[in-house]
């Protein structure tokens, strides 16, 4: 017993000594390893800002940005564009009757006349625009099921919880589910050119090619199978839709289901509450020398289905040409001109300060 007690005390003393000496059982030090990286001793370049380096940088930025901005601004101004508001909030609007209560439950049509004062050359793009519509709301953006939109069979009948409460209708799973799909824009347009103010000519509107290629062929796919009706069997359309997803375009069987291009364009949410989305393309006839849209009188025939007055929104149709930099966007050119001008003026001010006070500072450093 004595030997046993002695050995236990000796062992305890040995452990205590090991801990005090920094043995394996001691608490690890929080000090970083003594390496060049962890002790921040790596070689670094520390620029010294002097008048000889800063002033040329300001002048170079100014001389580059100003002409670039002028070019972008002039190019943007060459884009021809016309906007037609057809909200119908005012009694004088041709679409005012469609905003009345009966217009919400029945398909209503209205005609808006307008005049092009100059011809539109090349391909002309038709957009629909909405204002005060917040597609950037967090709950709204998340209210979709990308697996379902990619044709996943399981997600088709078991929508994501992110779609709630737009994931079930009459105890059937909704396809496509979510608030984005439920609020699909469904106004339709027809454009007529008036010859001699009485003979109407329908302008052909191309609906193929309005969606991004990656969206059409990668992100959005129909469920497997040749029969769309059978593929979507056991699902219900969104609450606000008048027809199921496999009949979105009755005139073109290849443009139905999740690969319907109008649906795909709408599902790419906008970043700002005032936005426009591509609706159709008016293609120029390459063999013809006549303008795509000659100047004159036109009529826009609208099937008014989409209510916006409940949230103080506005609706408009936009016709626009494009240039090498896209559609009309004067902000980019103005931004370049502004930044370039500020840099150039700031360079001039610093140059004057340098010549006026720079020698004084240098003389003050010289010892007597």
Protein backbone atom coordinates (compact mmCIF):
# COMPACT_ATOMS: atom_id res chain seq x y z
CA UNK A 1 0.00 0.00 0.00
CA UNK A 2 2.88 2.35 0.82
CA UNK A 3 4.56 1.64 -2.52
CA UNK A 4 1.30 2.11 -4.30
CA UNK A 5 0.72 5.48 -2.63
CA UNK A 6 4.25 6.59 -3.37
CA UNK A 7 3.97 5.67 -7.02
CA UNK A 8 0.66 7.60 -7.37
CA UNK A 9 2.17 10.75 -5.89
CA UNK A 10 5.25 10.38 -8.07
CA UNK A 11 3.05 9.98 -11.13
CA UNK A 12 1.01 13.07 -10.19
CA UNK A 13 4.16 15.07 -9.72
CA UNK A 14 5.48 13.88 -13.06
CA UNK A 15 2.27 15.01 -14.82
CA UNK A 16 2.33 18.37 -13.07
CA UNK A 17 5.93 18.86 -14.04
CA UNK A 18 5.21 17.96 -17.65
CA UNK A 19 2.32 20.45 -17.82
CA UNK A 20 4.42 23.18 -16.24
CA UNK A 21 7.24 22.48 -18.66
CA UNK A 22 4.93 22.81 -21.64
CA UNK A 23 4.44 19.14 -22.37
CA UNK A 24 1.79 17.62 -24.64
CA UNK A 25 -0.98 18.17 -22.11
CA UNK A 26 -0.22 21.88 -21.76
CA UNK A 27 -2.60 24.39 -23.31
CA UNK A 28 -1.56 25.25 -26.85
CA UNK A 29 -0.27 28.75 -27.43
CA UNK A 30 -2.46 31.09 -29.49
CA UNK A 31 0.56 32.82 -30.93
CA UNK A 32 0.84 32.38 -34.75
CA UNK A 33 3.70 30.34 -36.10
CA UNK A 34 6.90 32.18 -36.75
CA UNK A 35 6.61 32.13 -40.54
CA UNK A 36 6.86 34.94 -43.08
CA UNK A 37 3.24 34.54 -44.10
CA UNK A 38 1.66 34.40 -40.61
CA UNK A 39 3.93 37.12 -39.23
CA UNK A 40 3.31 39.33 -42.28
CA UNK A 41 6.91 39.57 -43.35
CA UNK A 42 6.29 38.80 -47.02
CA UNK A 43 7.75 41.27 -49.49
CA UNK A 44 5.17 43.83 -50.61
CA UNK A 45 4.98 46.72 -53.04
CA UNK A 46 4.09 49.96 -51.28
CA UNK A 47 3.56 52.71 -53.86
CA UNK A 48 4.58 56.23 -52.92
CA UNK A 49 2.02 58.68 -54.27
CA UNK A 50 3.77 61.70 -55.68
CA UNK A 51 2.75 64.45 -58.05
CA UNK A 52 4.70 62.75 -60.81
CA UNK A 53 2.57 59.60 -60.58
CA UNK A 54 -0.84 60.91 -59.52
CA UNK A 55 -1.24 63.84 -61.94
CA UNK A 56 -0.58 61.83 -65.14
CA UNK A 57 -3.07 59.18 -63.94
CA UNK A 58 -5.83 61.79 -63.52
CA UNK A 59 -5.16 63.31 -66.94
CA UNK A 60 -4.99 59.91 -68.69
CA UNK A 61 -8.30 58.81 -67.14
CA UNK A 62 -9.91 62.11 -68.11
CA UNK A 63 -8.62 62.02 -71.69
CA UNK A 64 -9.79 58.42 -72.13
CA UNK A 65 -13.18 58.56 -70.41
CA UNK A 66 -14.45 61.81 -71.94
CA UNK A 67 -14.26 60.72 -75.62
CA UNK A 68 -15.55 57.24 -74.74
CA UNK A 69 -18.50 58.81 -72.92
CA UNK A 70 -19.24 61.15 -75.82
CA UNK A 71 -19.21 58.20 -78.22
CA UNK A 72 -21.54 56.16 -76.02
CA UNK A 73 -23.90 59.10 -75.55
CA UNK A 74 -24.07 59.91 -79.25
CA UNK A 75 -24.59 56.24 -80.12
CA UNK A 76 -27.40 55.96 -77.57
CA UNK A 77 -29.13 58.99 -79.07
CA UNK A 78 -29.20 57.30 -82.48
CA UNK A 79 -31.56 54.65 -81.08
CA UNK A 80 -35.14 55.31 -82.16
CA UNK A 81 -37.71 54.55 -79.52
CA UNK A 82 -41.37 55.20 -78.83
CA UNK A 83 -43.33 54.40 -75.66
CA UNK A 84 -47.11 53.97 -75.58
CA UNK A 85 -48.79 54.00 -72.18
CA UNK A 86 -52.02 52.00 -72.24
CA UNK A 87 -52.70 51.68 -68.50
CA UNK A 88 -56.16 53.18 -68.89
CA UNK A 89 -56.13 55.03 -65.58
CA UNK A 90 -57.42 58.24 -67.19
CA UNK A 91 -60.92 58.49 -68.61
CA UNK A 92 -59.50 59.87 -71.85
CA UNK A 93 -57.44 56.71 -72.39
CA UNK A 94 -58.70 54.26 -75.06
CA UNK A 95 -58.23 51.42 -72.55
CA UNK A 96 -60.15 53.05 -69.69
CA UNK A 97 -63.15 50.77 -70.17
CA UNK A 98 -60.92 47.71 -69.68
CA UNK A 99 -59.97 48.85 -66.17
CA UNK A 100 -63.55 48.69 -64.92
CA UNK A 101 -64.57 45.75 -62.70
CA UNK A 102 -66.06 43.72 -65.56
CA UNK A 103 -62.74 43.94 -67.38
CA UNK A 104 -61.01 41.88 -64.69
CA UNK A 105 -63.11 38.79 -65.30
CA UNK A 106 -63.52 39.01 -69.06
CA UNK A 107 -61.08 39.45 -71.89
CA UNK A 108 -61.20 43.09 -72.95
CA UNK A 109 -59.77 44.63 -76.11
CA UNK A 110 -58.80 48.22 -76.81
CA UNK A 111 -57.00 50.06 -79.62
CA UNK A 112 -54.38 52.77 -79.16
CA UNK A 113 -53.49 54.85 -82.25
CA UNK A 114 -50.05 56.41 -82.56
CA UNK A 115 -47.80 57.98 -85.19
CA UNK A 116 -44.18 57.34 -86.11
CA UNK A 117 -42.61 60.59 -87.25
CA UNK A 118 -39.51 58.83 -88.60
CA UNK A 119 -38.89 55.40 -90.05
CA UNK A 120 -37.43 52.57 -87.98
CA UNK A 121 -34.64 50.75 -89.81
CA UNK A 122 -33.25 47.29 -89.10
CA UNK A 123 -34.77 44.89 -86.61
CA UNK A 124 -37.28 46.53 -84.27
CA UNK A 125 -37.83 45.15 -80.78
CA UNK A 126 -41.21 45.30 -79.05
CA UNK A 127 -41.20 45.37 -75.25
CA UNK A 128 -43.87 45.50 -72.59
CA UNK A 129 -43.06 47.64 -69.59
CA UNK A 130 -44.37 47.75 -66.02
CA UNK A 131 -43.91 50.37 -63.32
CA UNK A 132 -44.19 50.07 -59.54
CA UNK A 133 -43.93 46.27 -59.82
CA UNK A 134 -41.32 44.95 -57.37
CA UNK A 135 -39.99 41.75 -58.85
CA UNK A 136 -36.91 42.20 -56.65
CA UNK A 137 -38.77 41.45 -53.41
CA UNK A 138 -36.93 38.69 -51.53
CA UNK A 139 -39.97 36.47 -50.97
CA UNK A 140 -41.07 36.94 -54.56
CA UNK A 141 -37.65 36.08 -56.03
CA UNK A 142 -37.41 32.88 -53.95
CA UNK A 143 -40.95 31.75 -54.81
CA UNK A 144 -40.03 29.26 -57.54
CA UNK A 145 -38.78 25.69 -57.93
CA UNK A 146 -35.85 25.45 -60.33
CA UNK A 147 -35.87 21.66 -60.21
CA UNK A 148 -39.46 21.68 -61.38
CA UNK A 149 -38.69 24.17 -64.14
CA UNK A 150 -35.87 21.91 -65.30
CA UNK A 151 -38.32 19.05 -65.87
CA UNK A 152 -37.70 17.03 -62.71
CA UNK A 153 -40.57 14.53 -62.38
CA UNK A 154 -40.45 14.36 -58.58
CA UNK A 155 -40.48 18.16 -58.23
CA UNK A 156 -43.39 18.32 -60.66
CA UNK A 157 -45.70 16.60 -58.18
CA UNK A 158 -43.83 17.72 -55.04
CA UNK A 159 -43.17 21.46 -55.41
CA UNK A 160 -40.70 23.22 -53.17
CA UNK A 161 -41.92 24.79 -49.92
CA UNK A 162 -40.49 28.08 -51.19
CA UNK A 163 -43.47 28.22 -53.56
CA UNK A 164 -46.02 28.39 -50.72
CA UNK A 165 -48.82 29.40 -50.80
CA UNK A 166 -48.71 29.03 -54.61
CA UNK A 167 -47.78 25.34 -54.57
CA UNK A 168 -51.22 23.72 -54.33
CA UNK A 169 -54.56 24.33 -56.02
CA UNK A 170 -57.61 22.13 -55.28
CA UNK A 171 -55.32 19.62 -53.54
CA UNK A 172 -53.23 19.28 -56.71
CA UNK A 173 -49.60 20.40 -57.02
CA UNK A 174 -49.20 23.54 -59.09
CA UNK A 175 -46.94 23.48 -62.14
CA UNK A 176 -45.22 25.88 -62.43
CA UNK A 177 -45.40 26.81 -58.77
CA UNK A 178 -44.55 30.07 -57.05
CA UNK A 179 -45.49 33.74 -57.04
CA UNK A 180 -43.39 34.60 -60.11
CA UNK A 181 -45.22 32.14 -62.34
CA UNK A 182 -48.59 33.01 -60.80
CA UNK A 183 -48.14 36.68 -61.78
CA UNK A 184 -47.24 35.94 -65.42
CA UNK A 185 -47.87 38.92 -67.72
CA UNK A 186 -50.62 37.91 -70.16
CA UNK A 187 -51.54 41.00 -72.19
CA UNK A 188 -51.22 40.41 -75.93
CA UNK A 189 -50.54 42.88 -78.74
CA UNK A 190 -51.15 43.19 -82.47
CA UNK A 191 -49.62 45.99 -84.51
CA UNK A 192 -51.25 47.41 -87.65
CA UNK A 193 -49.93 49.91 -90.17
CA UNK A 194 -52.57 52.26 -91.53
CA UNK A 195 -52.21 53.01 -95.22
CA UNK A 196 -54.27 55.99 -96.39
CA UNK A 197 -55.78 56.03 -92.86
CA UNK A 198 -58.16 53.15 -93.62
CA UNK A 199 -56.33 50.14 -95.06
CA UNK A 200 -54.80 48.19 -92.15
CA UNK A 201 -51.76 45.97 -92.67
CA UNK A 202 -50.82 43.53 -89.92
CA UNK A 203 -47.14 43.79 -88.90
CA UNK A 204 -45.69 40.27 -88.37
CA UNK A 205 -44.33 39.79 -84.85
CA UNK A 206 -41.72 37.06 -84.32
CA UNK A 207 -41.95 35.29 -80.96
CA UNK A 208 -38.97 32.96 -81.38
CA UNK A 209 -35.61 34.08 -80.05
CA UNK A 210 -36.85 36.46 -77.35
CA UNK A 211 -35.43 34.38 -74.45
CA UNK A 212 -31.79 33.82 -73.53
CA UNK A 213 -30.29 30.72 -75.12
CA UNK A 214 -29.08 29.39 -71.76
CA UNK A 215 -32.55 29.78 -70.30
CA UNK A 216 -34.31 28.10 -73.21
CA UNK A 217 -31.98 25.10 -73.54
CA UNK A 218 -30.38 24.71 -70.10
CA UNK A 219 -32.45 26.11 -67.22
CA UNK A 220 -35.94 25.39 -68.53
CA UNK A 221 -36.99 21.98 -69.79
CA UNK A 222 -40.22 20.06 -70.11
CA UNK A 223 -40.72 16.71 -68.38
CA UNK A 224 -39.61 13.70 -70.38
CA UNK A 225 -42.12 12.36 -72.87
CA UNK A 226 -43.65 13.30 -76.20
CA UNK A 227 -47.13 14.02 -74.81
CA UNK A 228 -47.11 17.20 -72.71
CA UNK A 229 -50.68 16.68 -71.57
CA UNK A 230 -49.77 13.30 -70.11
CA UNK A 231 -46.51 14.64 -68.65
CA UNK A 232 -48.39 17.30 -66.65
CA UNK A 233 -51.17 14.92 -65.64
CA UNK A 234 -52.03 15.28 -61.96
CA UNK A 235 -50.94 18.93 -61.73
CA UNK A 236 -52.91 22.16 -61.64
CA UNK A 237 -52.15 25.49 -63.33
CA UNK A 238 -51.32 28.55 -61.20
CA UNK A 239 -54.31 30.21 -59.58
CA UNK A 240 -54.32 33.28 -61.85
CA UNK A 241 -53.79 31.39 -65.11
CA UNK A 242 -56.63 30.87 -67.58
CA UNK A 243 -55.09 27.78 -69.19
CA UNK A 244 -52.60 25.06 -68.15
CA UNK A 245 -48.90 25.36 -68.86
CA UNK A 246 -49.00 22.80 -71.69
CA UNK A 247 -51.45 25.06 -73.58
CA UNK A 248 -49.73 28.41 -73.11
CA UNK A 249 -49.38 28.86 -76.87
CA UNK A 250 -52.25 27.15 -78.73
CA UNK A 251 -50.81 28.23 -82.10
CA UNK A 252 -47.40 26.57 -81.65
CA UNK A 253 -47.11 23.14 -79.97
CA UNK A 254 -43.31 23.54 -79.74
CA UNK A 255 -43.71 26.68 -77.62
CA UNK A 256 -45.64 25.13 -74.73
CA UNK A 257 -44.78 23.95 -71.27
CA UNK A 258 -41.81 25.30 -69.38
CA UNK A 259 -40.00 26.18 -72.63
CA UNK A 260 -42.58 28.78 -73.62
CA UNK A 261 -40.43 31.84 -74.33
CA UNK A 262 -42.90 34.39 -72.96
CA UNK A 263 -42.91 32.42 -69.71
CA UNK A 264 -39.11 32.17 -69.66
CA UNK A 265 -38.71 35.93 -70.21
CA UNK A 266 -41.09 36.67 -67.33
CA UNK A 267 -39.31 34.26 -64.96
CA UNK A 268 -36.05 36.23 -65.28
CA UNK A 269 -36.90 38.77 -62.57
CA UNK A 270 -36.11 42.46 -62.93
CA UNK A 271 -33.82 44.32 -60.54
CA UNK A 272 -35.82 47.57 -60.43
CA UNK A 273 -39.53 48.30 -59.94
CA UNK A 274 -39.73 49.97 -63.37
CA UNK A 275 -38.65 47.56 -66.08
CA UNK A 276 -39.31 46.30 -69.57
CA UNK A 277 -39.20 42.80 -71.00
CA UNK A 278 -38.87 41.69 -74.61
CA UNK A 279 -42.20 40.68 -76.13
CA UNK A 280 -41.65 40.28 -79.88
CA UNK A 281 -39.19 41.07 -82.68
CA UNK A 282 -40.13 42.81 -85.93
CA UNK A 283 -37.54 41.50 -88.36
CA UNK A 284 -36.38 43.48 -91.35
CA UNK A 285 -36.80 41.90 -94.76
CA UNK A 286 -33.22 41.67 -96.04
CA UNK A 287 -34.35 41.66 -99.67
CA UNK A 288 -36.38 44.84 -99.26
CA UNK A 289 -35.11 48.42 -99.27
CA UNK A 290 -38.16 49.70 -97.43
CA UNK A 291 -37.88 50.49 -93.70
CA UNK A 292 -39.00 47.92 -91.18
CA UNK A 293 -41.55 50.39 -89.81
CA UNK A 294 -42.13 53.30 -92.20
CA UNK A 295 -43.24 56.57 -90.74
CA UNK A 296 -46.98 57.05 -90.60
CA UNK A 297 -50.01 56.06 -88.57
CA UNK A 298 -50.29 52.82 -86.61
CA UNK A 299 -52.78 51.11 -84.35
CA UNK A 300 -51.90 48.91 -81.39
CA UNK A 301 -54.58 46.31 -80.72
CA UNK A 302 -54.37 45.19 -77.08
CA UNK A 303 -55.99 42.26 -75.33
CA UNK A 304 -56.18 43.76 -71.86
CA UNK A 305 -55.89 41.01 -69.23
CA UNK A 306 -53.29 42.18 -66.71
CA UNK A 307 -54.59 44.44 -63.89
CA UNK A 308 -52.12 46.98 -62.46
CA UNK A 309 -54.25 49.72 -60.91
CA UNK A 310 -54.60 47.76 -57.65
CA UNK A 311 -50.93 48.51 -56.87
CA UNK A 312 -50.78 51.91 -58.66
CA UNK A 313 -48.81 50.40 -61.51
CA UNK A 314 -48.48 51.51 -65.12
CA UNK A 315 -48.28 49.52 -68.35
CA UNK A 316 -46.66 50.51 -71.63
CA UNK A 317 -45.57 49.10 -74.94
CA UNK A 318 -42.17 50.11 -76.31
CA UNK A 319 -40.83 49.94 -79.88
CA UNK A 320 -37.08 50.36 -80.14
CA UNK A 321 -34.18 49.85 -82.50
CA UNK A 322 -30.72 48.84 -81.27
CA UNK A 323 -27.08 49.69 -81.95
CA UNK A 324 -23.81 47.85 -81.33
CA UNK A 325 -24.14 48.76 -77.61
CA UNK A 326 -27.76 47.60 -77.31
CA UNK A 327 -30.85 49.69 -76.67
CA UNK A 328 -31.20 53.27 -75.54
CA UNK A 329 -29.05 53.88 -72.45
CA UNK A 330 -27.79 57.47 -72.07
CA UNK A 331 -26.73 56.89 -68.45
CA UNK A 332 -23.58 54.97 -69.41
CA UNK A 333 -22.27 57.78 -71.63
CA UNK A 334 -23.15 60.43 -69.04
CA UNK A 335 -21.35 58.43 -66.34
CA UNK A 336 -18.17 58.19 -68.44
CA UNK A 337 -18.25 61.90 -69.26
CA UNK A 338 -18.85 62.84 -65.61
CA UNK A 339 -16.03 60.67 -64.23
CA UNK A 340 -13.63 61.79 -66.94
CA UNK A 341 -14.45 65.47 -66.38
CA UNK A 342 -14.02 65.18 -62.62
CA UNK A 343 -10.64 63.48 -63.04
CA UNK A 344 -9.45 66.06 -65.57
CA UNK A 345 -10.56 69.04 -63.46
CA UNK A 346 -9.11 67.47 -60.32
CA UNK A 347 -5.83 66.93 -62.16
CA UNK A 348 -5.73 70.62 -63.15
CA UNK A 349 -6.42 71.71 -59.55
CA UNK A 350 -3.72 69.43 -58.15
CA UNK A 351 -1.30 70.62 -60.83
CA UNK A 352 -1.84 74.26 -59.81
CA UNK A 353 -1.44 73.37 -56.13
CA UNK A 354 1.74 71.44 -56.88
CA UNK A 355 3.37 74.29 -58.80
CA UNK A 356 2.26 76.87 -56.24
CA UNK A 357 3.17 75.08 -53.03
CA UNK A 358 5.41 72.22 -54.09
CA UNK A 359 8.67 74.24 -54.18
CA UNK A 360 7.87 75.77 -50.78
CA UNK A 361 7.66 72.32 -49.19
CA UNK A 362 10.89 71.22 -50.88
CA UNK A 363 12.77 74.30 -49.62
CA UNK A 364 11.48 73.72 -46.10
CA UNK A 365 13.19 70.30 -46.06
CA UNK A 366 16.61 71.75 -46.90
CA UNK A 367 18.69 72.30 -43.66
CA UNK A 368 20.30 75.70 -43.04
